[in-house]
Every structure is written in C-alpha cells, then in structure tokens.
C-alpha cells in the first residue's frame, strides 16, 4: 500500500471543462475540502474519494459525485485510488464546466484521468502502520539516546523532562520502532510499545 505526506495538485482540461485535482493526506482532507469550497465558489462540482485504515486494519472507502450523475465522478476517482493501492489519503477534484456536455462515459473518463494525473505527479510513499515507543532515561544516558535517535530518519520525538531525566515518546513506522526496541534490549530500561 502507498500514501502521501503532502498535497499534490494538477490541472487537466477536457472539452473546455477544467479539472483541478488534489491528492492529500487523510489528516488534511476535510480542511482542504472546506478551503476549496471557499476558494472556488463558482466551481460546478467538487468531487472526492478517500481511503483510510481504521483501528481494525480495515480499509474504509467513500466517494461523492457532488451533484454529477450517480457513479460518473466519485467512483472513477475511487477506482484510481484502488488501482494504485492508495490508503490514508484522498483525492478532491474541482470542476469548472466549459459549456460542452461530456456525457456520462466521457465524464467518468475525465474524472478518472484527472485522478490519474495527480497520482502520476505525486511522490508516493510506502504505507506502514505506526507505533509509539515510550521509555525513561536518566540524565547520565541522555546523550547516548540522543545519538541513537539522531541516527534514524522519520522519528517524531517528544520528551518530557523532570529532575531525574526524560520520558521519551517516539512515534514512527513499525519497522523503525522494532529497530529501536532492539537497541533498548541491552539496556536496563523499561519500555512500552503502542500500535496505532
């Protein structure tokens, strides 16, 4: 499965209708949808589809035709996402009508092509379930753990300090967390791993 970590955008045109397509991480989906409604009040439609993974590791999918004929807009966008195995993201497509009707088949193709175009320009990342590793270190071992954690890319680190040391909370992909667990095994440190 694949995901994105930032917003990508393309513009396509079919028979004078403009299609502005956005591929967005799921945590930015709703805010971008609201923003596009404000920025494009004269747009005829804002079609969307998304795929996310719930806490039971099930893929949840939804799409909207936003007033276009049923199944001619949101479904083709969702099919592109399924075909590219995209999760934890969504695609929004703003359409400005160009005066020439596309027909249901032409409309489905136009939305599908707009979705394909934005996926094509995106930097797709491998999706990996995240986990959080929590542990405590005293001040004597602080530099050691700063050195260890700085040798990894992709860690989200939070620390809370008190008079005895720091409580670390490190969030990353499961494989990185497993590597850090290995590094902790030789230490006399209690740690907790939570999977998201």
C-alpha atoms as a PDB file:
ATOM      1  CA  UNK A   1       0.000   0.000   0.000  1.00  0.00           C
ATOM      2  CA  UNK A   2       1.041   3.580  -0.655  1.00  0.00           C
ATOM      3  CA  UNK A   3       0.357   7.003   0.864  1.00  0.00           C
ATOM      4  CA  UNK A   4       1.388  10.653   0.542  1.00  0.00           C
ATOM      5  CA  UNK A   5       2.740  13.030   3.167  1.00  0.00           C
ATOM      6  CA  UNK A   6       1.862  16.329   1.463  1.00  0.00           C
ATOM      7  CA  UNK A   7      -0.622  17.801  -1.016  1.00  0.00           C
ATOM      8  CA  UNK A   8      -0.100  17.370  -4.777  1.00  0.00           C
ATOM      9  CA  UNK A   9      -2.080  19.212  -7.461  1.00  0.00           C
ATOM     10  CA  UNK A  10      -2.631  19.019 -11.228  1.00  0.00           C
ATOM     11  CA  UNK A  11      -4.924  20.637 -13.764  1.00  0.00           C
ATOM     12  CA  UNK A  12      -6.424  18.899 -16.796  1.00  0.00           C
ATOM     13  CA  UNK A  13      -8.871  20.109 -19.423  1.00  0.00           C
ATOM     14  CA  UNK A  14     -11.462  18.121 -21.363  1.00  0.00           C
ATOM     15  CA  UNK A  15     -13.727  19.900 -23.875  1.00  0.00           C
ATOM     16  CA  UNK A  16     -13.110  23.245 -22.164  1.00  0.00           C
ATOM     17  CA  UNK A  17     -14.058  21.887 -18.720  1.00  0.00           C
ATOM     18  CA  UNK A  18     -11.251  22.380 -16.195  1.00  0.00           C
ATOM     19  CA  UNK A  19     -10.452  19.714 -13.622  1.00  0.00           C
ATOM     20  CA  UNK A  20      -8.253  20.755 -10.676  1.00  0.00           C
ATOM     21  CA  UNK A  21      -7.168  17.569  -8.884  1.00  0.00           C
ATOM     22  CA  UNK A  22      -5.636  17.379  -5.400  1.00  0.00           C
ATOM     23  CA  UNK A  23      -4.105  14.314  -3.733  1.00  0.00           C
ATOM     24  CA  UNK A  24      -3.999  14.923   0.007  1.00  0.00           C
ATOM     25  CA  UNK A  25      -3.027  13.066   3.214  1.00  0.00           C
ATOM     26  CA  UNK A  26      -6.143  11.956   5.103  1.00  0.00           C
ATOM     27  CA  UNK A  27      -5.452  14.222   8.086  1.00  0.00           C
ATOM     28  CA  UNK A  28      -5.687  17.271   5.762  1.00  0.00           C
ATOM     29  CA  UNK A  29      -8.641  16.027   3.696  1.00  0.00           C
ATOM     30  CA  UNK A  30     -11.517  17.816   5.471  1.00  0.00           C
ATOM     31  CA  UNK A  31      -9.676  21.114   5.869  1.00  0.00           C
ATOM     32  CA  UNK A  32      -8.694  21.133   2.176  1.00  0.00           C
ATOM     33  CA  UNK A  33     -12.266  20.292   1.168  1.00  0.00           C
ATOM     34  CA  UNK A  34     -13.546  23.300   3.151  1.00  0.00           C
ATOM     35  CA  UNK A  35     -10.782  25.509   1.756  1.00  0.00           C
ATOM     36  CA  UNK A  36     -11.590  24.509  -1.847  1.00  0.00           C
ATOM     37  CA  UNK A  37     -15.280  25.331  -1.316  1.00  0.00           C
ATOM     38  CA  UNK A  38     -14.259  28.824  -0.134  1.00  0.00           C
ATOM     39  CA  UNK A  39     -11.643  29.361  -2.870  1.00  0.00           C
ATOM     40  CA  UNK A  40     -13.810  28.058  -5.738  1.00  0.00           C
ATOM     41  CA  UNK A  41     -17.362  29.306  -5.082  1.00  0.00           C
ATOM     42  CA  UNK A  42     -18.107  29.337  -8.822  1.00  0.00           C
ATOM     43  CA  UNK A  43     -16.978  25.742  -9.380  1.00  0.00           C
ATOM     44  CA  UNK A  44     -19.774  23.497 -10.585  1.00  0.00           C
ATOM     45  CA  UNK A  45     -18.687  20.457  -8.573  1.00  0.00           C
ATOM     46  CA  UNK A  46     -16.082  19.331  -6.044  1.00  0.00           C
ATOM     47  CA  UNK A  47     -15.920  15.558  -6.384  1.00  0.00           C
ATOM     48  CA  UNK A  48     -13.964  13.467  -3.896  1.00  0.00           C
ATOM     49  CA  UNK A  49     -12.925  10.000  -2.783  1.00  0.00           C
ATOM     50  CA  UNK A  50     -10.805   8.759   0.081  1.00  0.00           C
ATOM     51  CA  UNK A  51      -9.431   5.531   1.538  1.00  0.00           C
ATOM     52  CA  UNK A  52      -8.381   5.247   5.174  1.00  0.00           C
ATOM     53  CA  UNK A  53      -7.480   2.417   7.529  1.00  0.00           C
ATOM     54  CA  UNK A  54      -9.453   2.043  10.756  1.00  0.00           C
ATOM     55  CA  UNK A  55      -8.266   0.680  14.097  1.00  0.00           C
ATOM     56  CA  UNK A  56      -9.183  -2.874  12.980  1.00  0.00           C
ATOM     57  CA  UNK A  57      -6.886  -2.604   9.922  1.00  0.00           C
ATOM     58  CA  UNK A  58      -9.891  -2.429   7.587  1.00  0.00           C
ATOM     59  CA  UNK A  59      -9.849  -0.112   4.579  1.00  0.00           C
ATOM     60  CA  UNK A  60     -12.714   2.396   4.704  1.00  0.00           C
ATOM     61  CA  UNK A  61     -13.659   3.931   1.345  1.00  0.00           C
ATOM     62  CA  UNK A  62     -16.049   6.736   0.477  1.00  0.00           C
ATOM     63  CA  UNK A  63     -16.718   8.884  -2.551  1.00  0.00           C
ATOM     64  CA  UNK A  64     -19.045  11.689  -3.617  1.00  0.00           C
ATOM     65  CA  UNK A  65     -20.318  12.715  -7.050  1.00  0.00           C
ATOM     66  CA  UNK A  66     -21.302  16.168  -5.658  1.00  0.00           C
ATOM     67  CA  UNK A  67     -24.273  16.554  -7.995  1.00  0.00           C
ATOM     68  CA  UNK A  68     -22.752  14.895 -11.062  1.00  0.00           C
ATOM     69  CA  UNK A  69     -24.729  11.903 -12.431  1.00  0.00           C
ATOM     70  CA  UNK A  70     -24.580   8.991  -9.977  1.00  0.00           C
ATOM     71  CA  UNK A  71     -21.421   6.896 -10.308  1.00  0.00           C
ATOM     72  CA  UNK A  72     -19.840   9.088 -13.004  1.00  0.00           C
ATOM     73  CA  UNK A  73     -17.447  11.113 -10.858  1.00  0.00           C
ATOM     74  CA  UNK A  74     -16.599   9.861  -7.356  1.00  0.00           C
ATOM     75  CA  UNK A  75     -16.477   6.176  -8.312  1.00  0.00           C
ATOM     76  CA  UNK A  76     -13.909   6.618 -11.122  1.00  0.00           C
ATOM     77  CA  UNK A  77     -11.724   8.610  -8.698  1.00  0.00           C
ATOM     78  CA  UNK A  78     -12.073   5.859  -6.086  1.00  0.00           C
ATOM     79  CA  UNK A  79     -11.176   3.222  -8.717  1.00  0.00           C
ATOM     80  CA  UNK A  80      -7.934   5.089  -9.482  1.00  0.00           C
ATOM     81  CA  UNK A  81      -7.092   5.088  -5.775  1.00  0.00           C
ATOM     82  CA  UNK A  82      -7.846   1.358  -5.526  1.00  0.00           C
ATOM     83  CA  UNK A  83      -5.806   0.591  -8.649  1.00  0.00           C
ATOM     84  CA  UNK A  84      -2.810   2.445  -7.220  1.00  0.00           C
ATOM     85  CA  UNK A  85      -3.280   0.851  -3.777  1.00  0.00           C
ATOM     86  CA  UNK A  86      -3.504   4.267  -2.079  1.00  0.00           C
ATOM     87  CA  UNK A  87      -4.522   4.479   1.595  1.00  0.00           C
ATOM     88  CA  UNK A  88      -4.638   7.169   4.263  1.00  0.00           C
ATOM     89  CA  UNK A  89      -5.273   9.814   1.613  1.00  0.00           C
ATOM     90  CA  UNK A  90      -7.962  11.314  -0.566  1.00  0.00           C
ATOM     91  CA  UNK A  91      -8.436  12.940  -3.955  1.00  0.00           C
ATOM     92  CA  UNK A  92     -10.555  16.068  -4.462  1.00  0.00           C
ATOM     93  CA  UNK A  93     -11.380  17.319  -7.957  1.00  0.00           C
ATOM     94  CA  UNK A  94     -12.777  20.797  -8.608  1.00  0.00           C
ATOM     95  CA  UNK A  95     -14.645  21.020 -11.931  1.00  0.00           C
ATOM     96  CA  UNK A  96     -15.402  24.161 -13.864  1.00  0.00           C
ATOM     97  CA  UNK A  97     -17.929  23.424 -16.629  1.00  0.00           C
ATOM     98  CA  UNK A  98     -16.700  24.538 -20.038  1.00  0.00           C
ATOM     99  CA  UNK A  99     -20.045  24.664 -21.844  1.00  0.00           C
ATOM    100  CA  UNK A 100     -19.784  21.308 -23.635  1.00  0.00           C
ATOM    101  CA  UNK A 101     -21.536  18.297 -22.117  1.00  0.00           C
ATOM    102  CA  UNK A 102     -19.284  15.266 -21.730  1.00  0.00           C
ATOM    103  CA  UNK A 103     -21.928  12.553 -21.395  1.00  0.00           C
ATOM    104  CA  UNK A 104     -21.761  10.005 -18.601  1.00  0.00           C
ATOM    105  CA  UNK A 105     -18.970   7.937 -20.175  1.00  0.00           C
ATOM    106  CA  UNK A 106     -16.920  10.996 -21.078  1.00  0.00           C
ATOM    107  CA  UNK A 107     -17.412  12.419 -17.611  1.00  0.00           C
ATOM    108  CA  UNK A 108     -16.276   9.186 -15.931  1.00  0.00           C
ATOM    109  CA  UNK A 109     -13.174   9.133 -18.159  1.00  0.00           C
ATOM    110  CA  UNK A 110     -12.424  12.821 -17.472  1.00  0.00           C
ATOM    111  CA  UNK A 111     -12.589  12.388 -13.682  1.00  0.00           C
ATOM    112  CA  UNK A 112     -10.570   9.169 -13.880  1.00  0.00           C
ATOM    113  CA  UNK A 113      -7.895  10.855 -15.999  1.00  0.00           C
ATOM    114  CA  UNK A 114      -7.724  13.844 -13.635  1.00  0.00           C
ATOM    115  CA  UNK A 115      -7.222  11.455 -10.707  1.00  0.00           C
ATOM    116  CA  UNK A 116      -4.545   9.508 -12.616  1.00  0.00           C
ATOM    117  CA  UNK A 117      -2.731  12.755 -13.461  1.00  0.00           C
ATOM    118  CA  UNK A 118      -2.415  13.836  -9.824  1.00  0.00           C
ATOM    119  CA  UNK A 119      -1.307  10.347  -8.727  1.00  0.00           C
ATOM    120  CA  UNK A 120       1.299  10.363 -11.518  1.00  0.00           C
ATOM    121  CA  UNK A 121       2.972  13.568 -10.240  1.00  0.00           C
ATOM    122  CA  UNK A 122       2.840  12.553  -6.560  1.00  0.00           C
ATOM    123  CA  UNK A 123       5.759  11.243  -4.537  1.00  0.00           C
ATOM    124  CA  UNK A 124       4.186   8.043  -3.241  1.00  0.00           C
ATOM    125  CA  UNK A 125       5.497   6.561  -0.002  1.00  0.00           C
ATOM    126  CA  UNK A 126       5.127   3.035   1.309  1.00  0.00           C
ATOM    127  CA  UNK A 127       2.368   2.886   3.915  1.00  0.00           C
ATOM    128  CA  UNK A 128       3.450   1.392   7.191  1.00  0.00           C
ATOM    129  CA  UNK A 129       1.391   1.171  10.343  1.00  0.00           C
ATOM    130  CA  UNK A 130       2.766   3.436  13.074  1.00  0.00           C
ATOM    131  CA  UNK A 131       3.717   2.662  16.650  1.00  0.00           C
ATOM    132  CA  UNK A 132       4.839   4.672  19.673  1.00  0.00           C
ATOM    133  CA  UNK A 133       7.775   3.647  21.856  1.00  0.00           C
ATOM    134  CA  UNK A 134       7.864   5.154  25.361  1.00  0.00           C
ATOM    135  CA  UNK A 135      10.702   4.890  27.885  1.00  0.00           C
ATOM    136  CA  UNK A 136      12.553   6.857  30.567  1.00  0.00           C
ATOM    137  CA  UNK A 137      16.272   7.727  30.656  1.00  0.00           C
ATOM    138  CA  UNK A 138      18.239   9.478  33.338  1.00  0.00           C
ATOM    139  CA  UNK A 139      20.412  12.479  32.505  1.00  0.00           C
ATOM    140  CA  UNK A 140      23.588  10.342  32.514  1.00  0.00           C
ATOM    141  CA  UNK A 141      22.308   8.418  29.451  1.00  0.00           C
ATOM    142  CA  UNK A 142      20.671  11.353  27.670  1.00  0.00           C
ATOM    143  CA  UNK A 143      23.458  11.999  25.117  1.00  0.00           C
ATOM    144  CA  UNK A 144      23.626   8.306  24.245  1.00  0.00           C
ATOM    145  CA  UNK A 145      19.914   8.210  23.380  1.00  0.00           C
ATOM    146  CA  UNK A 146      20.086  11.496  21.511  1.00  0.00           C
ATOM    147  CA  UNK A 147      22.889   9.975  19.418  1.00  0.00           C
ATOM    148  CA  UNK A 148      20.908   6.764  18.797  1.00  0.00           C
ATOM    149  CA  UNK A 149      17.686   8.544  17.834  1.00  0.00           C
ATOM    150  CA  UNK A 150      19.517  11.063  15.607  1.00  0.00           C
ATOM    151  CA  UNK A 151      20.839   8.167  13.523  1.00  0.00           C
ATOM    152  CA  UNK A 152      17.276   7.386  12.317  1.00  0.00           C
ATOM    153  CA  UNK A 153      15.192   9.373   9.835  1.00  0.00           C
ATOM    154  CA  UNK A 154      11.435   9.606  10.228  1.00  0.00           C
ATOM    155  CA  UNK A 155      11.127   9.651  14.020  1.00  0.00           C
ATOM    156  CA  UNK A 156       8.679  12.003  15.733  1.00  0.00           C
ATOM    157  CA  UNK A 157      10.203  12.547  19.171  1.00  0.00           C
ATOM    158  CA  UNK A 158       8.628  14.132  22.241  1.00  0.00           C
ATOM    159  CA  UNK A 159      10.416  14.363  25.580  1.00  0.00           C
ATOM    160  CA  UNK A 160       9.186  15.468  28.980  1.00  0.00           C
ATOM    161  CA  UNK A 161      11.880  16.381  31.488  1.00  0.00           C
ATOM    162  CA  UNK A 162      11.853  16.228  35.270  1.00  0.00           C
ATOM    163  CA  UNK A 163      14.545  16.334  37.968  1.00  0.00           C
ATOM    164  CA  UNK A 164      15.574  12.701  37.253  1.00  0.00           C
ATOM    165  CA  UNK A 165      15.722  12.622  33.457  1.00  0.00           C
ATOM    166  CA  UNK A 166      13.397  12.452  30.460  1.00  0.00           C
ATOM    167  CA  UNK A 167      10.364  10.426  29.411  1.00  0.00           C
ATOM    168  CA  UNK A 168      10.698   9.741  25.705  1.00  0.00           C
ATOM    169  CA  UNK A 169       7.780   9.185  23.339  1.00  0.00           C
ATOM    170  CA  UNK A 170       8.900   8.213  19.843  1.00  0.00           C
ATOM    171  CA  UNK A 171       6.388   7.710  17.015  1.00  0.00           C
ATOM    172  CA  UNK A 172       7.418   6.075  13.740  1.00  0.00           C
ATOM    173  CA  UNK A 173       6.706   3.174  11.404  1.00  0.00           C
ATOM    174  CA  UNK A 174       6.618  -0.283  12.987  1.00  0.00           C
ATOM    175  CA  UNK A 175       9.961  -1.341  11.464  1.00  0.00           C
ATOM    176  CA  UNK A 176      11.806   1.683  12.914  1.00  0.00           C
ATOM    177  CA  UNK A 177      10.221   1.086  16.311  1.00  0.00           C
ATOM    178  CA  UNK A 178      11.348  -2.562  16.147  1.00  0.00           C
ATOM    179  CA  UNK A 179      14.932  -1.370  15.462  1.00  0.00           C
ATOM    180  CA  UNK A 180      14.796   0.950  18.467  1.00  0.00           C
ATOM    181  CA  UNK A 181      13.436  -1.878  20.626  1.00  0.00           C
ATOM    182  CA  UNK A 182      16.495  -3.930  19.663  1.00  0.00           C
ATOM    183  CA  UNK A 183      18.733  -1.050  20.728  1.00  0.00           C
ATOM    184  CA  UNK A 184      16.915  -0.899  24.080  1.00  0.00           C
ATOM    185  CA  UNK A 185      17.221  -4.634  24.795  1.00  0.00           C
ATOM    186  CA  UNK A 186      20.757  -4.427  26.178  1.00  0.00           C
ATOM    187  CA  UNK A 187      19.828  -1.558  28.490  1.00  0.00           C
ATOM    188  CA  UNK A 188      18.149  -1.682  31.858  1.00  0.00           C
ATOM    189  CA  UNK A 189      15.244   0.364  30.592  1.00  0.00           C
ATOM    190  CA  UNK A 190      11.564  -0.487  30.742  1.00  0.00           C
ATOM    191  CA  UNK A 191       9.722   0.438  27.593  1.00  0.00           C
ATOM    192  CA  UNK A 192       6.191   0.326  26.256  1.00  0.00           C
ATOM    193  CA  UNK A 193       5.119  -0.033  22.617  1.00  0.00           C
ATOM    194  CA  UNK A 194       1.662   1.035  21.434  1.00  0.00           C
ATOM    195  CA  UNK A 195       0.467   0.268  17.898  1.00  0.00           C
ATOM    196  CA  UNK A 196      -1.817   2.684  16.019  1.00  0.00           C
END
